[in-house]
Structures are given as structure tokens and as C-alpha cells.
Amino acid sequence: MERFVRVLIRRGVAQGRIRRAFRRAWLHVPKYAAEHNRRASAELIDVGHVLTLWFGDPFYVDARGDPLPLPLRGPAPSLASLVQHVDPTLNVTQVLKCLLRADAVRRRGSRYSPRSRAVAFRGTGAPLHARNLRALLGLLRTIEHNLGPKDKVTAWFEYVAENPRFPVSAREAFDVGLREDAMTFPRNQDSRMLNHERKLKPGESTVRMGVGVFRFEEEVLPHAAAMRRTSRRRSSSNSKKGRRRRR
């Protein structure tokens, strides 16, 4: 919250306006949601890394490089040993429940197999909210880091492709193409980070590293949309008049 406020202040937003906005936002949060989220556990933030190792660790893949079907418990290779390798404090039953709810794994008899290397947290409840907050915090950290002096701070990667007049009718087709193009990128970075993790020296310091890809669009207010249509009609009309005069 402090990072977000600092970004707003650097943009020139008045402190009084920020306080009023935070107050209004809190008043619009349903009480039951606030109480539920206070009890939400954040211990499953590394559930995605379980899939990374499942797909990338030679001990958990077959001769073709495909992830092995694993029993829930027992000696390695098992899902319990895999989860312990990620974080000894993780509860394998809760991890499995989260992966099943996210439709990231499927059960085959007494064993489990991953459906995809990515975890879609939508619909999982508390893990989704924890993931969303981490993604937001990560973006704010990058933005604030890159506000540092150019001669003293090495910039973190953060680029945006933006189009101010994208046709609404093309959104669905664009999203399909974006998913096809973009999914390769995080998978590659995930593998690169895992390779660096394998080279970790005993006692070497570590940091949580992440790379995110997302698309956004601005909210179009009805009044603003109408003004844009009127402006385009006027521009088109003036252009036609100009052509008639030239004739």
C-alpha cells in the first residue's frame, strides 16, 4: 500500500485525494469478504514451483522428458517428496487440493499427473488472492525501482506495447494470438530460473525472482466513447468537405 501511495504522489495526486479514495475503497468492501480474507493462508504461494520441478527435474520425468505420474506419498519420486523439495513447510494435501481445484493435475488411479506447466488460479479462492497481491506488489516494486537515478540504478525489465485506438471487435482474436505467443516466453524464463537454481552454491543468498506478462485495457466511459465517435464523425465530415472544395 505504501508503494502504491508513493507512485500516486510522484504522479502528482494530492494526499487528501488519496486518503479519501482509500476511505471510499474500504467502505465498498463487503464485510464478509474482509473477514474471509483475513483468514486466508499465504502458504501456497510456491505451488506453481511444484509444477516447474515436476516438468524440469530429471528425477521426476521419464525418458522422453514428460512428467511422471506420481503417488501422493511414499519415497521419491512422489508428490510428497516433490513438495518437500520445493518447501519443507508446505502441506502436500493442501498443495494437491489447490492443484486439483485449479485443474492443473488429474488423478489416474492412485497417481496424479500434471495437465499443464502453468497454474490458473482463477476460482481457487485464497490462493488466487495471494497470487494477485504478489503480482501487484511485484509490478509496483519494478516501477518504483526504475524511478531511481539512471546513473545509480540498473533498470529492471519493464516494457509496454500500447495502442490508443484498438478496435473493440478485435479483442477476442487478439487474446487468442496473445496467449499463443506469450505462453512460450514465461515457460522459457521459468526454465532459465530453474537452471540457475540448480547451480546454487551451499550457503549462497537467494532472492525471489519473477517475470510476468499481462495485457490491459482502459475503462471506456459511455460519455468518453460518445465524444470519440462524434469527434471521428466530425473529422470525417471535414475531410470530405475539404475534398469537395479541392475539386
C-alpha atoms as a PDB file:
ATOM      1  CA  MET A   1       0.000   0.000   0.000  1.00  0.00           C
ATOM      2  CA  GLU A   2       2.888   2.335   0.784  1.00  0.00           C
ATOM      3  CA  ARG A   3       4.482   1.656  -2.619  1.00  0.00           C
ATOM      4  CA  PHE A   4       1.197   2.378  -4.382  1.00  0.00           C
ATOM      5  CA  VAL A   5       0.786   5.650  -2.480  1.00  0.00           C
ATOM      6  CA  ARG A   6       4.345   6.681  -3.371  1.00  0.00           C
ATOM      7  CA  VAL A   7       3.657   6.044  -7.057  1.00  0.00           C
ATOM      8  CA  LEU A   8       0.497   8.181  -6.843  1.00  0.00           C
ATOM      9  CA  ILE A   9       2.305  11.023  -5.064  1.00  0.00           C
ATOM     10  CA  ARG A  10       5.071  11.032  -7.677  1.00  0.00           C
ATOM     11  CA  ARG A  11       2.338  11.316 -10.295  1.00  0.00           C
ATOM     12  CA  GLY A  12       1.157  14.463  -8.554  1.00  0.00           C
ATOM     13  CA  VAL A  13      -2.012  13.179  -6.873  1.00  0.00           C
ATOM     14  CA  ALA A  14      -2.870  15.248  -3.784  1.00  0.00           C
ATOM     15  CA  GLN A  15      -2.530  13.491  -0.425  1.00  0.00           C
ATOM     16  CA  GLY A  16      -6.063  14.456   0.596  1.00  0.00           C
ATOM     17  CA  ARG A  17      -7.453  12.854  -2.535  1.00  0.00           C
ATOM     18  CA  ILE A  18      -5.513   9.652  -1.802  1.00  0.00           C
ATOM     19  CA  ARG A  19      -6.887   9.491   1.744  1.00  0.00           C
ATOM     20  CA  ARG A  20     -10.466   9.962   0.515  1.00  0.00           C
ATOM     21  CA  ALA A  21     -10.020   7.308  -2.168  1.00  0.00           C
ATOM     22  CA  PHE A  22      -8.687   4.758   0.333  1.00  0.00           C
ATOM     23  CA  ARG A  23     -11.567   5.545   2.682  1.00  0.00           C
ATOM     24  CA  ARG A  24     -14.156   5.085  -0.095  1.00  0.00           C
ATOM     25  CA  ALA A  25     -12.493   1.846  -1.234  1.00  0.00           C
ATOM     26  CA  TRP A  26     -12.674   0.391   2.268  1.00  0.00           C
ATOM     27  CA  LEU A  27     -16.334   1.334   2.628  1.00  0.00           C
ATOM     28  CA  HIS A  28     -17.166  -0.537  -0.591  1.00  0.00           C
ATOM     29  CA  VAL A  29     -15.517  -3.814   0.531  1.00  0.00           C
ATOM     30  CA  PRO A  30     -18.162  -6.298   1.797  1.00  0.00           C
ATOM     31  CA  LYS A  31     -17.560  -7.152   5.451  1.00  0.00           C
ATOM     32  CA  TYR A  32     -17.795 -10.895   4.827  1.00  0.00           C
ATOM     33  CA  ALA A  33     -15.039 -10.662   2.202  1.00  0.00           C
ATOM     34  CA  ALA A  34     -12.748  -8.763   4.547  1.00  0.00           C
ATOM     35  CA  GLU A  35     -13.256 -11.310   7.349  1.00  0.00           C
ATOM     36  CA  HIS A  36     -12.702 -14.255   4.998  1.00  0.00           C
ATOM     37  CA  ASN A  37      -9.509 -12.849   3.528  1.00  0.00           C
ATOM     38  CA  ARG A  38      -8.017 -12.164   6.966  1.00  0.00           C
ATOM     39  CA  ARG A  39      -8.074 -15.932   7.483  1.00  0.00           C
ATOM     40  CA  ALA A  40      -6.697 -16.726   4.025  1.00  0.00           C
ATOM     41  CA  SER A  41      -3.444 -18.667   4.123  1.00  0.00           C
ATOM     42  CA  ALA A  42      -0.498 -17.500   2.033  1.00  0.00           C
ATOM     43  CA  GLU A  43       1.440 -20.740   2.399  1.00  0.00           C
ATOM     44  CA  LEU A  44       0.656 -21.918  -1.143  1.00  0.00           C
ATOM     45  CA  ILE A  45       2.496 -19.159  -2.981  1.00  0.00           C
ATOM     46  CA  ASP A  46       5.039 -21.693  -4.301  1.00  0.00           C
ATOM     47  CA  VAL A  47       2.522 -24.189  -5.641  1.00  0.00           C
ATOM     48  CA  GLY A  48       3.483 -23.169  -9.177  1.00  0.00           C
ATOM     49  CA  HIS A  49       7.100 -24.099  -8.494  1.00  0.00           C
ATOM     50  CA  VAL A  50       5.943 -27.632  -7.748  1.00  0.00           C
ATOM     51  CA  LEU A  51       4.929 -27.916 -11.415  1.00  0.00           C
ATOM     52  CA  THR A  52       8.200 -26.307 -12.518  1.00  0.00           C
ATOM     53  CA  LEU A  53      10.180 -29.094 -10.837  1.00  0.00           C
ATOM     54  CA  TRP A  54       7.695 -31.743 -11.948  1.00  0.00           C
ATOM     55  CA  PHE A  55       8.376 -30.784 -15.570  1.00  0.00           C
ATOM     56  CA  GLY A  56      12.029 -29.772 -15.209  1.00  0.00           C
ATOM     57  CA  ASP A  57      13.736 -32.034 -12.663  1.00  0.00           C
ATOM     58  CA  PRO A  58      15.282 -35.133 -14.343  1.00  0.00           C
ATOM     59  CA  PHE A  59      14.259 -37.243 -11.336  1.00  0.00           C
ATOM     60  CA  TYR A  60      10.555 -36.540 -11.987  1.00  0.00           C
ATOM     61  CA  VAL A  61      10.395 -37.024 -15.774  1.00  0.00           C
ATOM     62  CA  ASP A  62      10.542 -40.131 -17.975  1.00  0.00           C
ATOM     63  CA  ALA A  63      12.961 -40.940 -20.794  1.00  0.00           C
ATOM     64  CA  ARG A  64      11.022 -38.668 -23.179  1.00  0.00           C
ATOM     65  CA  GLY A  65      11.139 -35.740 -20.734  1.00  0.00           C
ATOM     66  CA  ASP A  66       7.440 -35.991 -19.805  1.00  0.00           C
ATOM     67  CA  PRO A  67       6.463 -35.602 -16.113  1.00  0.00           C
ATOM     68  CA  LEU A  68       5.993 -38.912 -14.313  1.00  0.00           C
ATOM     69  CA  PRO A  69       2.615 -39.849 -12.775  1.00  0.00           C
ATOM     70  CA  LEU A  70       3.258 -39.645  -9.028  1.00  0.00           C
ATOM     71  CA  PRO A  71       1.660 -41.234  -5.970  1.00  0.00           C
ATOM     72  CA  LEU A  72       0.638 -38.813  -3.262  1.00  0.00           C
ATOM     73  CA  ARG A  73       3.002 -40.196  -0.605  1.00  0.00           C
ATOM     74  CA  GLY A  74       5.960 -42.504  -0.332  1.00  0.00           C
ATOM     75  CA  PRO A  75       9.648 -42.333  -1.200  1.00  0.00           C
ATOM     76  CA  ALA A  76      10.804 -40.246  -4.141  1.00  0.00           C
ATOM     77  CA  PRO A  77       9.576 -39.886  -6.742  1.00  0.00           C
ATOM     78  CA  SER A  78       6.253 -38.968  -5.122  1.00  0.00           C
ATOM     79  CA  LEU A  79       4.219 -35.810  -4.880  1.00  0.00           C
ATOM     80  CA  ALA A  80       5.111 -35.538  -1.183  1.00  0.00           C
ATOM     81  CA  SER A  81       8.848 -35.704  -1.913  1.00  0.00           C
ATOM     82  CA  LEU A  82       8.442 -33.180  -4.732  1.00  0.00           C
ATOM     83  CA  VAL A  83       6.587 -30.729  -2.471  1.00  0.00           C
ATOM     84  CA  GLN A  84       9.192 -31.196   0.260  1.00  0.00           C
ATOM     85  CA  HIS A  85      11.912 -30.376  -2.245  1.00  0.00           C
ATOM     86  CA  VAL A  86      10.172 -27.065  -3.014  1.00  0.00           C
ATOM     87  CA  ASP A  87       9.495 -26.123   0.612  1.00  0.00           C
ATOM     88  CA  PRO A  88       9.594 -28.451   3.660  1.00  0.00           C
ATOM     89  CA  THR A  89       6.890 -26.365   5.358  1.00  0.00           C
ATOM     90  CA  LEU A  90       4.323 -26.987   2.620  1.00  0.00           C
ATOM     91  CA  ASN A  91       1.456 -29.385   3.312  1.00  0.00           C
ATOM     92  CA  VAL A  92       1.227 -31.877   0.434  1.00  0.00           C
ATOM     93  CA  THR A  93      -2.515 -32.440   0.948  1.00  0.00           C
ATOM     94  CA  GLN A  94      -3.249 -28.717   0.675  1.00  0.00           C
ATOM     95  CA  VAL A  95      -0.973 -28.378  -2.349  1.00  0.00           C
ATOM     96  CA  LEU A  96      -2.763 -31.262  -4.077  1.00  0.00           C
ATOM     97  CA  LYS A  97      -6.155 -29.770  -3.217  1.00  0.00           C
ATOM     98  CA  CYS A  98      -5.103 -26.451  -4.749  1.00  0.00           C
ATOM     99  CA  LEU A  99      -3.731 -28.119  -7.896  1.00  0.00           C
ATOM    100  CA  LEU A 100      -6.905 -30.172  -8.337  1.00  0.00           C
ATOM    101  CA  ARG A 101      -9.127 -27.153  -7.817  1.00  0.00           C
ATOM    102  CA  ALA A 102      -7.089 -25.221 -10.383  1.00  0.00           C
ATOM    103  CA  ASP A 103      -7.443 -28.190 -12.771  1.00  0.00           C
ATOM    104  CA  ALA A 104      -3.630 -28.287 -13.022  1.00  0.00           C
ATOM    105  CA  VAL A 105      -3.397 -32.030 -12.266  1.00  0.00           C
ATOM    106  CA  ARG A 106      -5.606 -35.049 -12.887  1.00  0.00           C
ATOM    107  CA  ARG A 107      -5.947 -38.295 -10.973  1.00  0.00           C
ATOM    108  CA  ARG A 108      -5.162 -41.614 -12.628  1.00  0.00           C
ATOM    109  CA  GLY A 109      -5.938 -44.385 -10.176  1.00  0.00           C
ATOM    110  CA  SER A 110      -3.638 -43.861  -7.212  1.00  0.00           C
ATOM    111  CA  ARG A 111      -1.341 -41.479  -9.090  1.00  0.00           C
ATOM    112  CA  TYR A 112      -1.508 -37.865 -10.243  1.00  0.00           C
ATOM    113  CA  SER A 113      -0.297 -36.272 -13.483  1.00  0.00           C
ATOM    114  CA  PRO A 114       0.015 -32.579 -14.351  1.00  0.00           C
ATOM    115  CA  ARG A 115      -2.174 -31.179 -17.114  1.00  0.00           C
ATOM    116  CA  SER A 116      -0.024 -28.142 -17.750  1.00  0.00           C
ATOM    117  CA  ARG A 117       3.138 -26.456 -16.513  1.00  0.00           C
ATOM    118  CA  ALA A 118       1.088 -23.357 -15.665  1.00  0.00           C
ATOM    119  CA  VAL A 119      -1.410 -22.972 -12.827  1.00  0.00           C
ATOM    120  CA  ALA A 120      -4.577 -20.971 -13.492  1.00  0.00           C
ATOM    121  CA  PHE A 121      -5.563 -19.754 -10.011  1.00  0.00           C
ATOM    122  CA  ARG A 122      -8.950 -18.338 -11.030  1.00  0.00           C
ATOM    123  CA  GLY A 123     -11.676 -19.886  -8.889  1.00  0.00           C
ATOM    124  CA  THR A 124      -9.293 -21.185  -6.200  1.00  0.00           C
ATOM    125  CA  GLY A 125     -10.200 -18.564  -3.570  1.00  0.00           C
ATOM    126  CA  ALA A 126      -7.407 -17.696  -1.139  1.00  0.00           C
ATOM    127  CA  PRO A 127      -4.534 -18.837  -3.408  1.00  0.00           C
ATOM    128  CA  LEU A 128      -5.880 -16.559  -6.160  1.00  0.00           C
ATOM    129  CA  HIS A 129      -5.974 -13.524  -3.849  1.00  0.00           C
ATOM    130  CA  ALA A 130      -2.446 -14.253  -2.584  1.00  0.00           C
ATOM    131  CA  ARG A 131      -1.201 -14.585  -6.166  1.00  0.00           C
ATOM    132  CA  ASN A 132      -2.922 -11.345  -7.239  1.00  0.00           C
ATOM    133  CA  LEU A 133      -1.376  -9.388  -4.376  1.00  0.00           C
ATOM    134  CA  ARG A 134       2.102 -10.730  -5.151  1.00  0.00           C
ATOM    135  CA  ALA A 135       1.705  -9.822  -8.840  1.00  0.00           C
ATOM    136  CA  LEU A 136       0.579  -6.300  -7.956  1.00  0.00           C
ATOM    137  CA  LEU A 137       3.379  -5.856  -5.429  1.00  0.00           C
ATOM    138  CA  GLY A 138       5.938  -7.130  -7.921  1.00  0.00           C
ATOM    139  CA  LEU A 139       4.834  -4.613 -10.542  1.00  0.00           C
ATOM    140  CA  LEU A 140       4.895  -1.776  -8.006  1.00  0.00           C
ATOM    141  CA  ARG A 141       8.402  -2.769  -6.894  1.00  0.00           C
ATOM    142  CA  THR A 142       9.602  -2.706 -10.502  1.00  0.00           C
ATOM    143  CA  ILE A 143       8.006   0.668 -11.192  1.00  0.00           C
ATOM    144  CA  GLU A 144       9.465   2.197  -8.041  1.00  0.00           C
ATOM    145  CA  HIS A 145      12.896   0.652  -8.647  1.00  0.00           C
ATOM    146  CA  ASN A 146      13.024   2.136 -12.145  1.00  0.00           C
ATOM    147  CA  LEU A 147      12.301   5.599 -10.750  1.00  0.00           C
ATOM    148  CA  GLY A 148      15.809   5.590  -9.264  1.00  0.00           C
ATOM    149  CA  PRO A 149      18.619   7.671 -10.820  1.00  0.00           C
ATOM    150  CA  LYS A 150      19.782   6.229 -14.151  1.00  0.00           C
ATOM    151  CA  ASP A 151      23.442   6.615 -13.188  1.00  0.00           C
ATOM    152  CA  LYS A 152      22.978   4.700  -9.908  1.00  0.00           C
ATOM    153  CA  VAL A 153      20.281   2.094 -10.522  1.00  0.00           C
ATOM    154  CA  THR A 154      20.267  -0.589 -13.219  1.00  0.00           C
ATOM    155  CA  ALA A 155      16.760  -0.756 -14.663  1.00  0.00           C
ATOM    156  CA  TRP A 156      14.652  -3.878 -14.238  1.00  0.00           C
ATOM    157  CA  PHE A 157      12.957  -5.116 -17.393  1.00  0.00           C
ATOM    158  CA  GLU A 158       9.586  -3.415 -17.887  1.00  0.00           C
ATOM    159  CA  TYR A 159       8.260  -2.590 -21.352  1.00  0.00           C
ATOM    160  CA  VAL A 160       4.723  -1.983 -22.592  1.00  0.00           C
ATOM    161  CA  ALA A 161       3.175  -2.191 -26.073  1.00  0.00           C
ATOM    162  CA  GLU A 162       0.148   0.090 -26.191  1.00  0.00           C
ATOM    163  CA  ASN A 163      -2.347   1.140 -28.869  1.00  0.00           C
ATOM    164  CA  PRO A 164      -4.688   4.083 -28.169  1.00  0.00           C
ATOM    165  CA  ARG A 165      -7.298   3.119 -30.797  1.00  0.00           C
ATOM    166  CA  PHE A 166      -7.628  -0.642 -30.703  1.00  0.00           C
ATOM    167  CA  PRO A 167     -10.953  -1.872 -32.190  1.00  0.00           C
ATOM    168  CA  VAL A 168     -13.180  -3.481 -29.571  1.00  0.00           C
ATOM    169  CA  SER A 169     -14.344  -6.062 -32.122  1.00  0.00           C
ATOM    170  CA  ALA A 170     -10.789  -7.429 -32.416  1.00  0.00           C
ATOM    171  CA  ARG A 171     -10.263  -8.145 -28.704  1.00  0.00           C
ATOM    172  CA  GLU A 172     -11.177 -11.842 -28.805  1.00  0.00           C
ATOM    173  CA  ALA A 173      -8.930 -12.642 -31.776  1.00  0.00           C
ATOM    174  CA  PHE A 174      -6.111 -10.614 -30.238  1.00  0.00           C
ATOM    175  CA  ASP A 175      -6.395 -12.505 -26.942  1.00  0.00           C
ATOM    176  CA  VAL A 176      -6.118 -15.846 -28.740  1.00  0.00           C
ATOM    177  CA  GLY A 177      -2.976 -14.758 -30.567  1.00  0.00           C
ATOM    178  CA  LEU A 178      -1.514 -13.177 -27.435  1.00  0.00           C
ATOM    179  CA  ARG A 179      -1.907 -16.381 -25.452  1.00  0.00           C
ATOM    180  CA  GLU A 180      -0.273 -18.433 -28.191  1.00  0.00           C
ATOM    181  CA  ASP A 181       2.684 -16.043 -28.462  1.00  0.00           C
ATOM    182  CA  ALA A 182       3.120 -15.151 -24.804  1.00  0.00           C
ATOM    183  CA  MET A 183       2.894 -18.564 -23.122  1.00  0.00           C
ATOM    184  CA  THR A 184       6.224 -19.596 -24.627  1.00  0.00           C
ATOM    185  CA  PHE A 185       8.008 -16.664 -23.008  1.00  0.00           C
ATOM    186  CA  PRO A 186       7.244 -17.390 -19.296  1.00  0.00           C
ATOM    187  CA  ARG A 187       7.930 -21.090 -19.835  1.00  0.00           C
ATOM    188  CA  ASN A 188      11.388 -20.265 -21.184  1.00  0.00           C
ATOM    189  CA  GLN A 189      12.103 -17.889 -18.297  1.00  0.00           C
ATOM    190  CA  ASP A 190      10.836 -20.487 -15.822  1.00  0.00           C
ATOM    191  CA  SER A 191      13.334 -22.994 -17.228  1.00  0.00           C
ATOM    192  CA  ARG A 192      16.156 -20.437 -17.124  1.00  0.00           C
ATOM    193  CA  MET A 193      15.453 -19.620 -13.474  1.00  0.00           C
ATOM    194  CA  LEU A 194      15.351 -23.337 -12.632  1.00  0.00           C
ATOM    195  CA  ASN A 195      18.733 -23.833 -14.297  1.00  0.00           C
ATOM    196  CA  HIS A 196      20.203 -21.056 -12.147  1.00  0.00           C
ATOM    197  CA  GLU A 197      18.586 -22.600  -9.046  1.00  0.00           C
ATOM    198  CA  ARG A 198      20.314 -25.908  -9.785  1.00  0.00           C
ATOM    199  CA  LYS A 199      23.679 -24.131  -9.773  1.00  0.00           C
ATOM    200  CA  LEU A 200      23.032 -22.684  -6.303  1.00  0.00           C
ATOM    201  CA  LYS A 201      26.076 -22.998  -4.046  1.00  0.00           C
ATOM    202  CA  PRO A 202      25.706 -24.117  -0.399  1.00  0.00           C
ATOM    203  CA  GLY A 203      25.009 -21.091   1.796  1.00  0.00           C
ATOM    204  CA  GLU A 204      24.580 -18.757  -1.174  1.00  0.00           C
ATOM    205  CA  SER A 205      21.985 -15.995  -0.652  1.00  0.00           C
ATOM    206  CA  THR A 206      18.803 -16.181  -2.718  1.00  0.00           C
ATOM    207  CA  VAL A 207      16.010 -13.827  -3.768  1.00  0.00           C
ATOM    208  CA  ARG A 208      12.514 -14.480  -5.076  1.00  0.00           C
ATOM    209  CA  MET A 209      12.699 -13.721  -8.807  1.00  0.00           C
ATOM    210  CA  GLY A 210       9.698 -13.492 -11.115  1.00  0.00           C
ATOM    211  CA  VAL A 211       8.767 -12.486 -14.651  1.00  0.00           C
ATOM    212  CA  GLY A 212       5.197 -11.566 -15.549  1.00  0.00           C
ATOM    213  CA  VAL A 213       3.290 -10.975 -18.796  1.00  0.00           C
ATOM    214  CA  PHE A 214      -0.139  -9.357 -18.855  1.00  0.00           C
ATOM    215  CA  ARG A 215      -2.394  -7.350 -21.113  1.00  0.00           C
ATOM    216  CA  PHE A 216      -4.561  -4.435 -20.032  1.00  0.00           C
ATOM    217  CA  GLU A 217      -7.172  -2.067 -21.346  1.00  0.00           C
ATOM    218  CA  GLU A 218      -8.541   1.167 -20.024  1.00  0.00           C
ATOM    219  CA  GLU A 219     -12.114   1.600 -18.909  1.00  0.00           C
ATOM    220  CA  VAL A 220     -14.126   3.397 -21.569  1.00  0.00           C
ATOM    221  CA  LEU A 221     -16.752   5.655 -20.016  1.00  0.00           C
ATOM    222  CA  PRO A 222     -20.002   5.983 -22.023  1.00  0.00           C
ATOM    223  CA  HIS A 223     -19.598   9.759 -22.292  1.00  0.00           C
ATOM    224  CA  ALA A 224     -15.997   9.462 -23.450  1.00  0.00           C
ATOM    225  CA  ALA A 225     -16.928   6.836 -26.060  1.00  0.00           C
ATOM    226  CA  ALA A 226     -19.685   9.051 -27.431  1.00  0.00           C
ATOM    227  CA  MET A 227     -17.310  12.019 -27.608  1.00  0.00           C
ATOM    228  CA  ARG A 228     -14.775   9.934 -29.532  1.00  0.00           C
ATOM    229  CA  ARG A 229     -17.420   8.803 -32.063  1.00  0.00           C
ATOM    230  CA  THR A 230     -18.590  12.389 -32.521  1.00  0.00           C
ATOM    231  CA  SER A 231     -15.020  13.580 -32.976  1.00  0.00           C
ATOM    232  CA  ARG A 232     -14.349  10.926 -35.618  1.00  0.00           C
ATOM    233  CA  ARG A 233     -17.579  11.782 -37.490  1.00  0.00           C
ATOM    234  CA  ARG A 234     -16.640  15.462 -37.492  1.00  0.00           C
ATOM    235  CA  SER A 235     -13.132  14.689 -38.707  1.00  0.00           C
ATOM    236  CA  SER A 236     -14.520  12.502 -41.482  1.00  0.00           C
ATOM    237  CA  SER A 237     -17.080  15.168 -42.456  1.00  0.00           C
ATOM    238  CA  ASN A 238     -14.457  17.948 -42.551  1.00  0.00           C
ATOM    239  CA  SER A 239     -12.193  15.731 -44.647  1.00  0.00           C
ATOM    240  CA  LYS A 240     -14.962  15.133 -47.199  1.00  0.00           C
ATOM    241  CA  LYS A 241     -15.775  18.846 -47.333  1.00  0.00           C
ATOM    242  CA  GLY A 242     -12.124  19.602 -47.932  1.00  0.00           C
ATOM    243  CA  ARG A 243     -12.008  17.147 -50.821  1.00  0.00           C
ATOM    244  CA  ARG A 244     -15.133  18.665 -52.390  1.00  0.00           C
ATOM    245  CA  ARG A 245     -13.636  22.153 -52.164  1.00  0.00           C
ATOM    246  CA  ARG A 246     -10.453  20.997 -53.874  1.00  0.00           C
ATOM    247  CA  ARG A 247     -12.473  19.748 -56.787  1.00  0.00           C
END
